[in-house]
C-alpha atoms as a PDB file:
ATOM      1  CA  UNK A   1      68.321 -92.975 107.010  1.00  0.00           C
ATOM      2  CA  UNK A   2      68.652 -95.159 110.300  1.00  0.00           C
ATOM      3  CA  UNK A   3      65.419 -96.990 109.427  1.00  0.00           C
ATOM      4  CA  UNK A   4      66.801 -97.792 106.068  1.00  0.00           C
ATOM      5  CA  UNK A   5      70.020 -99.002 107.534  1.00  0.00           C
ATOM      6  CA  UNK A   6      67.919-101.281 110.015  1.00  0.00           C
ATOM      7  CA  UNK A   7      66.015-102.620 107.066  1.00  0.00           C
ATOM      8  CA  UNK A   8      68.876-103.644 105.024  1.00  0.00           C
ATOM      9  CA  UNK A   9      70.756-105.118 108.086  1.00  0.00           C
ATOM     10  CA  UNK A  10      67.525-107.298 108.390  1.00  0.00           C
ATOM     11  CA  UNK A  11      67.621-108.272 104.785  1.00  0.00           C
ATOM     12  CA  UNK A  12      71.461-109.036 104.975  1.00  0.00           C
ATOM     13  CA  UNK A  13      70.834-111.269 107.952  1.00  0.00           C
ATOM     14  CA  UNK A  14      67.875-113.093 106.019  1.00  0.00           C
ATOM     15  CA  UNK A  15      70.023-113.558 102.889  1.00  0.00           C
ATOM     16  CA  UNK A  16      73.030-114.866 105.050  1.00  0.00           C
ATOM     17  CA  UNK A  17      71.652-116.358 108.174  1.00  0.00           C
ATOM     18  CA  UNK A  18      73.933-117.538 110.837  1.00  0.00           C
ATOM     19  CA  UNK A  19      72.820-121.211 110.355  1.00  0.00           C
ATOM     20  CA  UNK A  20      75.003-121.080 107.065  1.00  0.00           C
ATOM     21  CA  UNK A  21      78.120-120.736 109.212  1.00  0.00           C
ATOM     22  CA  UNK A  22      79.154-117.898 106.978  1.00  0.00           C
ATOM     23  CA  UNK A  23      79.216-114.215 107.908  1.00  0.00           C
ATOM     24  CA  UNK A  24      80.400-110.879 106.663  1.00  0.00           C
ATOM     25  CA  UNK A  25      83.207-109.155 108.041  1.00  0.00           C
ATOM     26  CA  UNK A  26      81.956-106.113 109.981  1.00  0.00           C
ATOM     27  CA  UNK A  27      83.601-103.742 107.479  1.00  0.00           C
ATOM     28  CA  UNK A  28      82.232-105.519 104.488  1.00  0.00           C
ATOM     29  CA  UNK A  29      78.489-105.552 106.130  1.00  0.00           C
ATOM     30  CA  UNK A  30      78.733-101.968 106.943  1.00  0.00           C
ATOM     31  CA  UNK A  31      79.836-101.013 103.301  1.00  0.00           C
ATOM     32  CA  UNK A  32      76.964-103.178 101.772  1.00  0.00           C
ATOM     33  CA  UNK A  33      74.496-101.664 104.083  1.00  0.00           C
ATOM     34  CA  UNK A  34      75.922 -98.065 103.156  1.00  0.00           C
ATOM     35  CA  UNK A  35      75.714 -99.059  99.439  1.00  0.00           C
ATOM     36  CA  UNK A  36      72.126-100.297  99.682  1.00  0.00           C
ATOM     37  CA  UNK A  37      70.984 -97.115 101.640  1.00  0.00           C
ATOM     38  CA  UNK A  38      72.715 -94.918  99.064  1.00  0.00           C
ATOM     39  CA  UNK A  39      71.078 -97.008  96.243  1.00  0.00           C
ATOM     40  CA  UNK A  40      67.493 -96.741  97.871  1.00  0.00           C
ATOM     41  CA  UNK A  41      68.124 -92.830  98.378  1.00  0.00           C
ATOM     42  CA  UNK A  42      69.033 -92.421  94.763  1.00  0.00           C
ATOM     43  CA  UNK A  43      66.044 -94.433  93.328  1.00  0.00           C
ATOM     44  CA  UNK A  44      63.679 -92.629  95.787  1.00  0.00           C
ATOM     45  CA  UNK A  45      64.935 -89.239  94.963  1.00  0.00           C
ATOM     46  CA  UNK A  46      64.603 -89.998  91.081  1.00  0.00           C
ATOM     47  CA  UNK A  47      61.035 -91.437  91.799  1.00  0.00           C
ATOM     48  CA  UNK A  48      60.059 -88.457  93.671  1.00  0.00           C
ATOM     49  CA  UNK A  49      61.029 -86.094  90.939  1.00  0.00           C
ATOM     50  CA  UNK A  50      59.026 -88.293  88.370  1.00  0.00           C
ATOM     51  CA  UNK A  51      55.921 -88.072  90.667  1.00  0.00           C
ATOM     52  CA  UNK A  52      56.363 -84.243  91.249  1.00  0.00           C
ATOM     53  CA  UNK A  53      56.520 -83.851  87.364  1.00  0.00           C
ATOM     54  CA  UNK A  54      53.279 -85.578  87.394  1.00  0.00           C
ATOM     55  CA  UNK A  55      51.698 -83.615  90.152  1.00  0.00           C
ATOM     56  CA  UNK A  56      51.262 -86.570  92.154  1.00  0.00           C
ATOM     57  CA  UNK A  57      51.479 -86.427  96.065  1.00  0.00           C
ATOM     58  CA  UNK A  58      52.413 -90.370  96.529  1.00  0.00           C
ATOM     59  CA  UNK A  59      55.187 -92.350  94.803  1.00  0.00           C
ATOM     60  CA  UNK A  60      53.759 -95.183  92.921  1.00  0.00           C
ATOM     61  CA  UNK A  61      55.343 -98.420  91.760  1.00  0.00           C
ATOM     62  CA  UNK A  62      55.298 -96.856  88.191  1.00  0.00           C
ATOM     63  CA  UNK A  63      57.567 -93.984  89.453  1.00  0.00           C
ATOM     64  CA  UNK A  64      60.081 -96.635  90.848  1.00  0.00           C
ATOM     65  CA  UNK A  65      60.082 -98.587  87.667  1.00  0.00           C
ATOM     66  CA  UNK A  66      60.729 -95.266  85.542  1.00  0.00           C
ATOM     67  CA  UNK A  67      63.353 -94.202  87.991  1.00  0.00           C
ATOM     68  CA  UNK A  68      65.323 -97.446  87.659  1.00  0.00           C
ATOM     69  CA  UNK A  69      65.055 -97.238  83.936  1.00  0.00           C
ATOM     70  CA  UNK A  70      66.342 -93.561  84.085  1.00  0.00           C
ATOM     71  CA  UNK A  71      69.185 -94.435  86.252  1.00  0.00           C
ATOM     72  CA  UNK A  72      70.377 -97.400  84.009  1.00  0.00           C
ATOM     73  CA  UNK A  73      68.851-100.169  86.020  1.00  0.00           C
ATOM     74  CA  UNK A  74      66.162-101.434  83.736  1.00  0.00           C
ATOM     75  CA  UNK A  75      67.290-105.049  84.424  1.00  0.00           C
ATOM     76  CA  UNK A  76      65.782-104.596  87.783  1.00  0.00           C
ATOM     77  CA  UNK A  77      62.279-103.614  86.728  1.00  0.00           C
ATOM     78  CA  UNK A  78      60.998-107.391  86.442  1.00  0.00           C
ATOM     79  CA  UNK A  79      62.130-108.207  89.818  1.00  0.00           C
ATOM     80  CA  UNK A  80      60.643-105.049  91.147  1.00  0.00           C
ATOM     81  CA  UNK A  81      57.235-105.717  89.500  1.00  0.00           C
ATOM     82  CA  UNK A  82      57.351-109.448  90.898  1.00  0.00           C
ATOM     83  CA  UNK A  83      58.170-108.145  94.566  1.00  0.00           C
ATOM     84  CA  UNK A  84      55.282-105.580  94.051  1.00  0.00           C
ATOM     85  CA  UNK A  85      52.642-108.236  93.029  1.00  0.00           C
ATOM     86  CA  UNK A  86      53.886-110.415  96.120  1.00  0.00           C
ATOM     87  CA  UNK A  87      53.371-107.597  98.441  1.00  0.00           C
ATOM     88  CA  UNK A  88      49.939-106.990  97.127  1.00  0.00           C
ATOM     89  CA  UNK A  89      49.157-110.804  97.874  1.00  0.00           C
ATOM     90  CA  UNK A  90      50.521-110.578 101.132  1.00  0.00           C
ATOM     91  CA  UNK A  91      48.520-107.306 101.983  1.00  0.00           C
ATOM     92  CA  UNK A  92      45.243-109.050 100.733  1.00  0.00           C
ATOM     93  CA  UNK A  93      46.132-111.963 103.147  1.00  0.00           C
ATOM     94  CA  UNK A  94      46.635-109.421 106.108  1.00  0.00           C
ATOM     95  CA  UNK A  95      43.313-107.803 105.397  1.00  0.00           C
ATOM     96  CA  UNK A  96      41.591-111.194 105.632  1.00  0.00           C
ATOM     97  CA  UNK A  97      43.498-111.668 108.972  1.00  0.00           C
ATOM     98  CA  UNK A  98      42.266-108.382 110.149  1.00  0.00           C
ATOM     99  CA  UNK A  99      38.752-109.425 109.252  1.00  0.00           C
ATOM    100  CA  UNK A 100      38.994-112.527 110.936  1.00  0.00           C
ATOM    101  CA  UNK A 101      39.993-110.769 114.147  1.00  0.00           C
ATOM    102  CA  UNK A 102      37.055-108.335 113.657  1.00  0.00           C
ATOM    103  CA  UNK A 103      34.636-111.226 113.225  1.00  0.00           C
ATOM    104  CA  UNK A 104      36.196-113.434 116.001  1.00  0.00           C
ATOM    105  CA  UNK A 105      34.344-111.320 118.736  1.00  0.00           C
ATOM    106  CA  UNK A 106      37.401-111.850 120.906  1.00  0.00           C
ATOM    107  CA  UNK A 107      39.159-109.004 122.784  1.00  0.00           C
ATOM    108  CA  UNK A 108      42.688-108.205 122.312  1.00  0.00           C
ATOM    109  CA  UNK A 109      43.385-109.562 125.813  1.00  0.00           C
ATOM    110  CA  UNK A 110      41.786-112.846 124.993  1.00  0.00           C
ATOM    111  CA  UNK A 111      43.728-113.227 121.702  1.00  0.00           C
ATOM    112  CA  UNK A 112      46.913-112.373 123.454  1.00  0.00           C
ATOM    113  CA  UNK A 113      46.151-115.009 126.088  1.00  0.00           C
ATOM    114  CA  UNK A 114      45.470-117.436 123.592  1.00  0.00           C
ATOM    115  CA  UNK A 115      48.503-116.608 121.717  1.00  0.00           C
ATOM    116  CA  UNK A 116      50.735-116.901 124.863  1.00  0.00           C
ATOM    117  CA  UNK A 117      49.125-120.320 125.323  1.00  0.00           C
ATOM    118  CA  UNK A 118      49.841-121.476 121.809  1.00  0.00           C
ATOM    119  CA  UNK A 119      53.587-120.231 122.102  1.00  0.00           C
ATOM    120  CA  UNK A 120      53.929-122.137 125.424  1.00  0.00           C
ATOM    121  CA  UNK A 121      52.510-125.285 123.711  1.00  0.00           C
ATOM    122  CA  UNK A 122      54.855-124.929 120.930  1.00  0.00           C
ATOM    123  CA  UNK A 123      57.844-124.363 123.132  1.00  0.00           C
ATOM    124  CA  UNK A 124      57.041-127.548 125.238  1.00  0.00           C
ATOM    125  CA  UNK A 125      56.972-129.730 121.975  1.00  0.00           C
ATOM    126  CA  UNK A 126      60.418-128.354 120.946  1.00  0.00           C
ATOM    127  CA  UNK A 127      62.057-128.885 124.207  1.00  0.00           C
END
C-alpha cells in the first residue's frame, strides 16, 4: 500500500499546492491519505470480485464502475468515465511521442544531451 500512499500524497499536493499558502495539518493529511488508500482498496477488492466472477484476468473500467455502484458510489461513475476517457487520450499522445522518438533516428544519449541543453536554456531565461 505504500505506492498508494505516495500516489495519494502527490494528488493531495496537486490539489492544494504550496503556492496557495494553505496546508493540511499533518494529522489531517495523514487521515485523508489513509481514507483514500482504504477507499482504493475497497473499490479494487470489489472490482476484483466482479472480474473473477466473469472469469477475467484483468480488471476493466467496467468492473470499477460496477464496483462503485455496488458500494453505493454511483454518483462517482460519470467522473470515473471522464477520467478514463482523458487517460485514453493521454496514452494516445504518449504513443505518438514514442513513435516520434523511434522515427527521430537519434540515440537516447543524443536526446538526453538535447534535453539538458533545452533545460539549461530555459533556466537561463528564467534567472
